Amino acid sequence: MDCPQCGVRNEPASASCVRCGAALSPAAASQVSSRAPVSAAQPAGRVFRDPKRLTQWVQWLLIGAAVTALVSGASEFVQFQLLTRMRDGGFASEADMMSAANANDMRQGAIGIIMLLVYIATVVVFSMWIYRANSNLHALGCQGLRFTPGWAVGWYFVPFANLWKPFQAMKEIWRASKNPANWQAESTGSLLGWWWFWWLISSFVDNVSARLSFRAETLDAMIGIGPLNIASSALDLVAALVAFRVVKRIGGFQAMAMDRSLSAVFA
């Protein structure tokens, strides 16, 4: 149902407008419809959906990603020490060495499974959050947007273009959420740039680390990539924490945009 005051499309069962708070009723909707030309085809609008709960889920998952990165880095350091002891003959017997190696493999395997699950959940929920944040901009009436909700997410999965397109889409979400009426004049500051920098660096180092780990077959090779694996976990930690701040800021911007719209209607 379209709001009779601000024109934002709401869920059919909504009692009040999500943007301006105006009461919705079938009678009001029919009055608005009667004023519109019958022959004109009305484009389908987007419904503003409160992103607060989804924002909280993304934040919790990013915290989980940061914690697992920290734990992984610590585990990689322990493994590096173990491999060094194995190379230098630091075990009293072969049985002690094999016991320590088996315990290390079990720990690393468990951490790897947890990290994979957290990563998948974060990617899914983060994509849902981007889609909703972008969709809300259209519901708020932002003009001149370059990215649709689908492509704001889809560009992450397009080779080569995913090096800059997702950043541009997030930049648009940031600016339009901060000032829906005149978003082209808004700046983003440095936080968004740092988010993308750490995202690219951590993704690159993760890729190199994974490839070298798969190829490492000798003890010396595994020891050699130990520092890189530790650095990879550290970069993942930083990237998750910066992403947490970006999500929090954009979620706050959209909440303030709704508050401003409500204040303008009842002023």
C-alpha atoms as a PDB file:
ATOM      1  CA  MET A   1       0.000   0.000   0.000  1.00  0.00           C
ATOM      2  CA  ASP A   2       1.357   3.433  -0.959  1.00  0.00           C
ATOM      3  CA  CYS A   3       1.450   6.053   1.791  1.00  0.00           C
ATOM      4  CA  PRO A   4      -1.007   8.927   1.049  1.00  0.00           C
ATOM      5  CA  GLN A   5       1.475  11.475   2.470  1.00  0.00           C
ATOM      6  CA  CYS A   6       4.971  10.520   1.341  1.00  0.00           C
ATOM      7  CA  GLY A   7       4.246   7.933  -1.368  1.00  0.00           C
ATOM      8  CA  VAL A   8       6.503   5.187   0.043  1.00  0.00           C
ATOM      9  CA  ARG A   9       5.186   1.689  -0.597  1.00  0.00           C
ATOM     10  CA  ASN A  10       4.460  -0.296   2.577  1.00  0.00           C
ATOM     11  CA  GLU A  11       3.529  -3.860   3.334  1.00  0.00           C
ATOM     12  CA  PRO A  12      -0.194  -4.539   2.720  1.00  0.00           C
ATOM     13  CA  ALA A  13      -0.782  -5.351   6.395  1.00  0.00           C
ATOM     14  CA  SER A  14       1.001  -2.239   7.728  1.00  0.00           C
ATOM     15  CA  ALA A  15      -1.087   0.082   9.895  1.00  0.00           C
ATOM     16  CA  SER A  16       1.268   3.051   9.539  1.00  0.00           C
ATOM     17  CA  CYS A  17       3.901   4.200   7.059  1.00  0.00           C
ATOM     18  CA  VAL A  18       7.433   3.007   7.764  1.00  0.00           C
ATOM     19  CA  ARG A  19       8.827   6.310   6.510  1.00  0.00           C
ATOM     20  CA  CYS A  20       6.580   9.095   7.812  1.00  0.00           C
ATOM     21  CA  GLY A  21       4.357   7.300  10.311  1.00  0.00           C
ATOM     22  CA  ALA A  22       1.100   8.344   8.633  1.00  0.00           C
ATOM     23  CA  ALA A  23      -1.891   6.092   9.252  1.00  0.00           C
ATOM     24  CA  LEU A  24      -2.681   3.711   6.425  1.00  0.00           C
ATOM     25  CA  SER A  25      -6.176   2.628   5.587  1.00  0.00           C
ATOM     26  CA  PRO A  26      -7.928   1.187   2.570  1.00  0.00           C
ATOM     27  CA  ALA A  27      -9.943   4.394   2.297  1.00  0.00           C
ATOM     28  CA  ALA A  28      -6.817   6.554   2.161  1.00  0.00           C
ATOM     29  CA  ALA A  29      -5.276   4.257  -0.403  1.00  0.00           C
ATOM     30  CA  SER A  30      -8.369   4.441  -2.593  1.00  0.00           C
ATOM     31  CA  GLN A  31      -8.330   8.235  -2.414  1.00  0.00           C
ATOM     32  CA  VAL A  32      -4.747   8.309  -3.634  1.00  0.00           C
ATOM     33  CA  SER A  33      -5.515   5.816  -6.358  1.00  0.00           C
ATOM     34  CA  SER A  34      -8.524   7.843  -7.510  1.00  0.00           C
ATOM     35  CA  ARG A  35      -6.325  10.904  -8.015  1.00  0.00           C
ATOM     36  CA  ALA A  36      -3.934   8.993 -10.303  1.00  0.00           C
ATOM     37  CA  PRO A  37      -4.751   8.617 -14.008  1.00  0.00           C
ATOM     38  CA  VAL A  38      -6.352   5.243 -14.593  1.00  0.00           C
ATOM     39  CA  SER A  39      -4.485   4.691 -17.862  1.00  0.00           C
ATOM     40  CA  ALA A  40      -1.044   5.432 -16.405  1.00  0.00           C
ATOM     41  CA  ALA A  41       1.032   2.391 -15.525  1.00  0.00           C
ATOM     42  CA  GLN A  42       2.397   2.836 -12.008  1.00  0.00           C
ATOM     43  CA  PRO A  43       5.905   1.436 -11.483  1.00  0.00           C
ATOM     44  CA  ALA A  44       6.327  -1.020  -8.633  1.00  0.00           C
ATOM     45  CA  GLY A  45       7.864   0.714  -5.656  1.00  0.00           C
ATOM     46  CA  ARG A  46      10.121  -0.737  -2.988  1.00  0.00           C
ATOM     47  CA  VAL A  47       9.090  -1.240   0.596  1.00  0.00           C
ATOM     48  CA  PHE A  48      11.304   0.182   3.320  1.00  0.00           C
ATOM     49  CA  ARG A  49      12.233  -2.606   5.697  1.00  0.00           C
ATOM     50  CA  ASP A  50      13.829  -1.842   9.020  1.00  0.00           C
ATOM     51  CA  PRO A  51      17.444  -3.061   8.758  1.00  0.00           C
ATOM     52  CA  LYS A  52      18.100  -2.950  12.516  1.00  0.00           C
ATOM     53  CA  ARG A  53      17.833  -6.671  13.223  1.00  0.00           C
ATOM     54  CA  LEU A  54      19.763  -7.646  10.095  1.00  0.00           C
ATOM     55  CA  THR A  55      22.435  -5.079  10.973  1.00  0.00           C
ATOM     56  CA  GLN A  56      22.795  -6.637  14.410  1.00  0.00           C
ATOM     57  CA  TRP A  57      23.177 -10.094  12.882  1.00  0.00           C
ATOM     58  CA  VAL A  58      25.912  -8.879  10.558  1.00  0.00           C
ATOM     59  CA  GLN A  59      27.713  -7.214  13.453  1.00  0.00           C
ATOM     60  CA  TRP A  60      27.595 -10.363  15.559  1.00  0.00           C
ATOM     61  CA  LEU A  61      28.896 -12.464  12.680  1.00  0.00           C
ATOM     62  CA  LEU A  62      31.719 -10.006  12.033  1.00  0.00           C
ATOM     63  CA  ILE A  63      32.644 -10.210  15.698  1.00  0.00           C
ATOM     64  CA  GLY A  64      32.591 -13.989  15.338  1.00  0.00           C
ATOM     65  CA  ALA A  65      34.833 -13.722  12.284  1.00  0.00           C
ATOM     66  CA  ALA A  66      37.250 -11.523  14.225  1.00  0.00           C
ATOM     67  CA  VAL A  67      37.342 -13.974  17.141  1.00  0.00           C
ATOM     68  CA  THR A  68      37.915 -16.979  14.888  1.00  0.00           C
ATOM     69  CA  ALA A  69      40.670 -15.083  13.077  1.00  0.00           C
ATOM     70  CA  LEU A  70      42.343 -14.372  16.410  1.00  0.00           C
ATOM     71  CA  VAL A  71      42.060 -18.007  17.474  1.00  0.00           C
ATOM     72  CA  SER A  72      43.324 -19.167  14.085  1.00  0.00           C
ATOM     73  CA  GLY A  73      46.334 -16.871  14.308  1.00  0.00           C
ATOM     74  CA  ALA A  74      47.195 -18.222  17.747  1.00  0.00           C
ATOM     75  CA  SER A  75      46.813 -21.793  16.497  1.00  0.00           C
ATOM     76  CA  GLU A  76      49.027 -21.074  13.487  1.00  0.00           C
ATOM     77  CA  PHE A  77      51.694 -19.720  15.830  1.00  0.00           C
ATOM     78  CA  VAL A  78      51.519 -22.886  17.973  1.00  0.00           C
ATOM     79  CA  GLN A  79      51.801 -25.005  14.836  1.00  0.00           C
ATOM     80  CA  PHE A  80      54.801 -22.974  13.661  1.00  0.00           C
ATOM     81  CA  GLN A  81      56.535 -23.649  16.974  1.00  0.00           C
ATOM     82  CA  LEU A  82      55.668 -27.346  16.754  1.00  0.00           C
ATOM     83  CA  LEU A  83      57.064 -27.676  13.247  1.00  0.00           C
ATOM     84  CA  THR A  84      60.227 -25.876  14.291  1.00  0.00           C
ATOM     85  CA  ARG A  85      60.696 -28.299  17.211  1.00  0.00           C
ATOM     86  CA  MET A  86      60.150 -31.229  14.886  1.00  0.00           C
ATOM     87  CA  ARG A  87      62.820 -29.903  12.503  1.00  0.00           C
ATOM     88  CA  ASP A  88      65.295 -29.208  15.327  1.00  0.00           C
ATOM     89  CA  GLY A  89      64.735 -32.541  17.093  1.00  0.00           C
ATOM     90  CA  GLY A  90      63.130 -30.995  20.159  1.00  0.00           C
ATOM     91  CA  PHE A  91      61.128 -34.109  21.138  1.00  0.00           C
ATOM     92  CA  ALA A  92      62.396 -36.811  23.473  1.00  0.00           C
ATOM     93  CA  SER A  93      60.885 -39.584  21.367  1.00  0.00           C
ATOM     94  CA  GLU A  94      59.054 -40.169  18.129  1.00  0.00           C
ATOM     95  CA  ALA A  95      55.945 -41.159  20.082  1.00  0.00           C
ATOM     96  CA  ASP A  96      55.864 -37.745  21.804  1.00  0.00           C
ATOM     97  CA  MET A  97      56.305 -36.014  18.469  1.00  0.00           C
ATOM     98  CA  MET A  98      53.477 -37.964  16.819  1.00  0.00           C
ATOM     99  CA  SER A  99      51.172 -37.317  19.757  1.00  0.00           C
ATOM    100  CA  ALA A 100      51.824 -33.575  19.542  1.00  0.00           C
ATOM    101  CA  ALA A 101      51.372 -33.659  15.750  1.00  0.00           C
ATOM    102  CA  ASN A 102      48.035 -35.493  16.005  1.00  0.00           C
ATOM    103  CA  ALA A 103      46.757 -33.040  18.624  1.00  0.00           C
ATOM    104  CA  ASN A 104      47.819 -30.159  16.399  1.00  0.00           C
ATOM    105  CA  ASP A 105      46.017 -31.623  13.389  1.00  0.00           C
ATOM    106  CA  MET A 106      42.812 -32.110  15.372  1.00  0.00           C
ATOM    107  CA  ARG A 107      42.936 -28.537  16.686  1.00  0.00           C
ATOM    108  CA  GLN A 108      43.653 -27.069  13.280  1.00  0.00           C
ATOM    109  CA  GLY A 109      40.900 -29.140  11.681  1.00  0.00           C
ATOM    110  CA  ALA A 110      38.289 -28.066  14.240  1.00  0.00           C
ATOM    111  CA  ILE A 111      39.241 -24.405  13.901  1.00  0.00           C
ATOM    112  CA  GLY A 112      39.131 -24.703  10.114  1.00  0.00           C
ATOM    113  CA  ILE A 113      35.581 -26.097  10.178  1.00  0.00           C
ATOM    114  CA  ILE A 114      34.387 -23.360  12.537  1.00  0.00           C
ATOM    115  CA  MET A 115      36.014 -20.678  10.398  1.00  0.00           C
ATOM    116  CA  LEU A 116      34.362 -22.064   7.260  1.00  0.00           C
ATOM    117  CA  LEU A 117      30.919 -22.070   8.876  1.00  0.00           C
ATOM    118  CA  VAL A 118      31.340 -18.532  10.203  1.00  0.00           C
ATOM    119  CA  TYR A 119      32.618 -17.371   6.809  1.00  0.00           C
ATOM    120  CA  ILE A 120      29.660 -18.836   4.917  1.00  0.00           C
ATOM    121  CA  ALA A 121      27.154 -17.384   7.394  1.00  0.00           C
ATOM    122  CA  THR A 122      28.840 -13.978   7.235  1.00  0.00           C
ATOM    123  CA  VAL A 123      28.846 -13.905   3.432  1.00  0.00           C
ATOM    124  CA  VAL A 124      25.146 -14.841   3.257  1.00  0.00           C
ATOM    125  CA  VAL A 125      23.925 -12.412   5.918  1.00  0.00           C
ATOM    126  CA  PHE A 126      26.232  -9.602   4.771  1.00  0.00           C
ATOM    127  CA  SER A 127      24.863  -9.993   1.238  1.00  0.00           C
ATOM    128  CA  MET A 128      21.307  -9.838   2.586  1.00  0.00           C
ATOM    129  CA  TRP A 129      22.192  -6.691   4.520  1.00  0.00           C
ATOM    130  CA  ILE A 130      23.685  -4.980   1.451  1.00  0.00           C
ATOM    131  CA  TYR A 131      20.611  -5.876  -0.590  1.00  0.00           C
ATOM    132  CA  ARG A 132      18.246  -4.454   2.032  1.00  0.00           C
ATOM    133  CA  ALA A 133      20.310  -1.320   2.639  1.00  0.00           C
ATOM    134  CA  ASN A 134      20.342  -0.541  -1.073  1.00  0.00           C
ATOM    135  CA  SER A 135      16.653  -1.378  -1.479  1.00  0.00           C
ATOM    136  CA  ASN A 136      15.786   0.981   1.375  1.00  0.00           C
ATOM    137  CA  LEU A 137      17.442   3.842  -0.493  1.00  0.00           C
ATOM    138  CA  HIS A 138      14.987   3.381  -3.345  1.00  0.00           C
ATOM    139  CA  ALA A 139      12.130   3.249  -0.833  1.00  0.00           C
ATOM    140  CA  LEU A 140      13.343   6.515   0.700  1.00  0.00           C
ATOM    141  CA  GLY A 141      13.064   8.171  -2.703  1.00  0.00           C
ATOM    142  CA  CYS A 142      16.765   8.645  -3.479  1.00  0.00           C
ATOM    143  CA  GLN A 143      17.232   9.869  -7.036  1.00  0.00           C
ATOM    144  CA  GLY A 144      20.006   9.025  -9.498  1.00  0.00           C
ATOM    145  CA  LEU A 145      21.216   5.816  -7.860  1.00  0.00           C
ATOM    146  CA  ARG A 146      23.581   3.828 -10.081  1.00  0.00           C
ATOM    147  CA  PHE A 147      23.279   0.441  -8.387  1.00  0.00           C
ATOM    148  CA  THR A 148      20.289  -1.807  -7.936  1.00  0.00           C
ATOM    149  CA  PRO A 149      20.038  -4.022  -4.831  1.00  0.00           C
ATOM    150  CA  GLY A 150      20.884  -7.083  -6.912  1.00  0.00           C
ATOM    151  CA  TRP A 151      24.030  -5.625  -8.444  1.00  0.00           C
ATOM    152  CA  ALA A 152      25.139  -4.086  -5.146  1.00  0.00           C
ATOM    153  CA  VAL A 153      25.602  -7.723  -4.109  1.00  0.00           C
ATOM    154  CA  GLY A 154      26.315  -9.287  -7.486  1.00  0.00           C
ATOM    155  CA  TRP A 155      29.460  -7.305  -8.228  1.00  0.00           C
ATOM    156  CA  TYR A 156      31.273  -9.141  -5.415  1.00  0.00           C
ATOM    157  CA  PHE A 157      31.134 -12.293  -7.550  1.00  0.00           C
ATOM    158  CA  VAL A 158      32.234 -10.838 -10.902  1.00  0.00           C
ATOM    159  CA  PRO A 159      35.981 -11.417 -11.535  1.00  0.00           C
ATOM    160  CA  PHE A 160      38.130  -8.298 -11.906  1.00  0.00           C
ATOM    161  CA  ALA A 161      35.120  -5.985 -11.542  1.00  0.00           C
ATOM    162  CA  ASN A 162      34.945  -7.080  -7.893  1.00  0.00           C
ATOM    163  CA  LEU A 163      38.132  -5.114  -7.310  1.00  0.00           C
ATOM    164  CA  TRP A 164      36.275  -1.775  -7.417  1.00  0.00           C
ATOM    165  CA  LYS A 165      32.554  -2.152  -8.173  1.00  0.00           C
ATOM    166  CA  PRO A 166      31.519  -3.370  -4.691  1.00  0.00           C
ATOM    167  CA  PHE A 167      33.331  -0.397  -3.175  1.00  0.00           C
ATOM    168  CA  GLN A 168      31.452   1.994  -5.451  1.00  0.00           C
ATOM    169  CA  ALA A 169      28.144   0.360  -4.516  1.00  0.00           C
ATOM    170  CA  MET A 170      28.928   0.573  -0.798  1.00  0.00           C
ATOM    171  CA  LYS A 171      30.018   4.173  -1.203  1.00  0.00           C
ATOM    172  CA  GLU A 172      26.651   4.965  -2.777  1.00  0.00           C
ATOM    173  CA  ILE A 173      24.834   3.198   0.067  1.00  0.00           C
ATOM    174  CA  TRP A 174      26.858   5.179   2.618  1.00  0.00           C
ATOM    175  CA  ARG A 175      26.216   8.571   0.990  1.00  0.00           C
ATOM    176  CA  ALA A 176      22.537   8.023   0.217  1.00  0.00           C
ATOM    177  CA  SER A 177      21.838   6.612   3.673  1.00  0.00           C
ATOM    178  CA  LYS A 178      23.470   9.649   5.239  1.00  0.00           C
ATOM    179  CA  ASN A 179      21.548  12.171   3.125  1.00  0.00           C
ATOM    180  CA  PRO A 180      18.794  10.639   0.932  1.00  0.00           C
ATOM    181  CA  ALA A 181      17.635  13.992  -0.449  1.00  0.00           C
ATOM    182  CA  ASN A 182      21.052  15.201  -1.658  1.00  0.00           C
ATOM    183  CA  TRP A 183      23.344  12.195  -1.454  1.00  0.00           C
ATOM    184  CA  GLN A 184      25.577  13.256  -4.365  1.00  0.00           C
ATOM    185  CA  ALA A 185      26.920  16.107  -2.235  1.00  0.00           C
ATOM    186  CA  GLU A 186      27.889  13.840   0.674  1.00  0.00           C
ATOM    187  CA  SER A 187      31.404  12.580   1.357  1.00  0.00           C
ATOM    188  CA  THR A 188      32.331   9.259   2.919  1.00  0.00           C
ATOM    189  CA  GLY A 189      35.408  10.144   4.929  1.00  0.00           C
ATOM    190  CA  SER A 190      38.289   7.714   5.307  1.00  0.00           C
ATOM    191  CA  LEU A 191      36.598   4.766   7.051  1.00  0.00           C
ATOM    192  CA  LEU A 192      35.059   3.326   3.891  1.00  0.00           C
ATOM    193  CA  GLY A 193      38.373   3.547   2.049  1.00  0.00           C
ATOM    194  CA  TRP A 194      40.147   1.753   4.861  1.00  0.00           C
ATOM    195  CA  TRP A 195      37.454  -0.947   4.864  1.00  0.00           C
ATOM    196  CA  TRP A 196      38.027  -1.661   1.203  1.00  0.00           C
ATOM    197  CA  PHE A 197      41.817  -1.517   1.576  1.00  0.00           C
ATOM    198  CA  TRP A 198      41.846  -4.110   4.351  1.00  0.00           C
ATOM    199  CA  TRP A 199      39.278  -6.213   2.500  1.00  0.00           C
ATOM    200  CA  LEU A 200      41.454  -6.387  -0.631  1.00  0.00           C
ATOM    201  CA  ILE A 201      44.709  -6.950   1.259  1.00  0.00           C
ATOM    202  CA  SER A 202      43.277  -9.683   3.483  1.00  0.00           C
ATOM    203  CA  SER A 203      41.602 -11.410   0.509  1.00  0.00           C
ATOM    204  CA  PHE A 204      44.849 -11.370  -1.480  1.00  0.00           C
ATOM    205  CA  VAL A 205      46.992 -12.677   1.390  1.00  0.00           C
ATOM    206  CA  ASP A 206      44.377 -15.340   2.225  1.00  0.00           C
ATOM    207  CA  ASN A 207      44.482 -16.545  -1.371  1.00  0.00           C
ATOM    208  CA  VAL A 208      48.272 -16.698  -1.494  1.00  0.00           C
ATOM    209  CA  SER A 209      48.438 -18.387   1.904  1.00  0.00           C
ATOM    210  CA  ALA A 210      45.907 -21.055   0.898  1.00  0.00           C
ATOM    211  CA  ARG A 211      47.682 -21.819  -2.379  1.00  0.00           C
ATOM    212  CA  LEU A 212      51.086 -22.140  -0.728  1.00  0.00           C
ATOM    213  CA  SER A 213      49.655 -24.284   2.068  1.00  0.00           C
ATOM    214  CA  PHE A 214      48.198 -26.752  -0.431  1.00  0.00           C
ATOM    215  CA  ARG A 215      51.558 -26.994  -2.207  1.00  0.00           C
ATOM    216  CA  ALA A 216      53.681 -27.361   0.946  1.00  0.00           C
ATOM    217  CA  GLU A 217      54.773 -30.987   1.163  1.00  0.00           C
ATOM    218  CA  THR A 218      58.028 -30.806   3.121  1.00  0.00           C
ATOM    219  CA  LEU A 219      58.629 -29.755   6.705  1.00  0.00           C
ATOM    220  CA  ASP A 220      60.750 -26.798   5.653  1.00  0.00           C
ATOM    221  CA  ALA A 221      58.034 -25.612   3.257  1.00  0.00           C
ATOM    222  CA  MET A 222      55.380 -25.754   5.986  1.00  0.00           C
ATOM    223  CA  ILE A 223      57.646 -23.839   8.344  1.00  0.00           C
ATOM    224  CA  GLY A 224      58.331 -21.271   5.642  1.00  0.00           C
ATOM    225  CA  ILE A 225      54.662 -20.361   5.177  1.00  0.00           C
ATOM    226  CA  GLY A 226      53.981 -20.221   8.914  1.00  0.00           C
ATOM    227  CA  PRO A 227      54.560 -16.455   9.247  1.00  0.00           C
ATOM    228  CA  LEU A 228      52.374 -15.828   6.189  1.00  0.00           C
ATOM    229  CA  ASN A 229      49.531 -17.851   7.702  1.00  0.00           C
ATOM    230  CA  ILE A 230      49.813 -15.871  10.931  1.00  0.00           C
ATOM    231  CA  ALA A 231      49.792 -12.598   8.989  1.00  0.00           C
ATOM    232  CA  SER A 232      46.736 -13.784   7.049  1.00  0.00           C
ATOM    233  CA  SER A 233      44.804 -14.317  10.278  1.00  0.00           C
ATOM    234  CA  ALA A 234      45.880 -10.916  11.584  1.00  0.00           C
ATOM    235  CA  LEU A 235      44.660  -9.208   8.404  1.00  0.00           C
ATOM    236  CA  ASP A 236      41.337 -11.068   8.599  1.00  0.00           C
ATOM    237  CA  LEU A 237      40.939  -9.770  12.144  1.00  0.00           C
ATOM    238  CA  VAL A 238      41.535  -6.156  11.111  1.00  0.00           C
ATOM    239  CA  ALA A 239      39.255  -6.449   8.057  1.00  0.00           C
ATOM    240  CA  ALA A 240      36.397  -7.845  10.169  1.00  0.00           C
ATOM    241  CA  LEU A 241      36.685  -5.090  12.769  1.00  0.00           C
ATOM    242  CA  VAL A 242      36.720  -2.315  10.164  1.00  0.00           C
ATOM    243  CA  ALA A 243      33.750  -3.900   8.373  1.00  0.00           C
ATOM    244  CA  PHE A 244      31.926  -3.943  11.725  1.00  0.00           C
ATOM    245  CA  ARG A 245      32.328  -0.177  11.991  1.00  0.00           C
ATOM    246  CA  VAL A 246      31.130   0.392   8.418  1.00  0.00           C
ATOM    247  CA  VAL A 247      27.988  -1.691   8.957  1.00  0.00           C
ATOM    248  CA  LYS A 248      27.277   0.087  12.222  1.00  0.00           C
ATOM    249  CA  ARG A 249      27.648   3.540  10.648  1.00  0.00           C
ATOM    250  CA  ILE A 250      25.446   2.814   7.649  1.00  0.00           C
ATOM    251  CA  GLY A 251      22.780   1.231   9.840  1.00  0.00           C
ATOM    252  CA  GLY A 252      22.824   4.355  11.973  1.00  0.00           C
ATOM    253  CA  PHE A 253      22.550   6.593   8.906  1.00  0.00           C
ATOM    254  CA  GLN A 254      19.435   4.798   7.697  1.00  0.00           C
ATOM    255  CA  ALA A 255      17.839   5.044  11.128  1.00  0.00           C
ATOM    256  CA  MET A 256      18.536   8.795  11.233  1.00  0.00           C
ATOM    257  CA  ALA A 257      17.142   9.221   7.714  1.00  0.00           C
ATOM    258  CA  MET A 258      13.885   7.666   8.856  1.00  0.00           C
ATOM    259  CA  ASP A 259      13.796   9.901  11.929  1.00  0.00           C
ATOM    260  CA  ARG A 260      14.312  13.005   9.802  1.00  0.00           C
ATOM    261  CA  SER A 261      11.515  12.000   7.446  1.00  0.00           C
ATOM    262  CA  LEU A 262       9.169  11.448  10.381  1.00  0.00           C
ATOM    263  CA  SER A 263      10.087  14.803  11.933  1.00  0.00           C
ATOM    264  CA  ALA A 264       9.513  16.601   8.634  1.00  0.00           C
ATOM    265  CA  VAL A 265       6.011  15.181   8.266  1.00  0.00           C
ATOM    266  CA  PHE A 266       4.851  16.098  11.772  1.00  0.00           C
ATOM    267  CA  ALA A 267       6.725  19.406  12.087  1.00  0.00           C
END
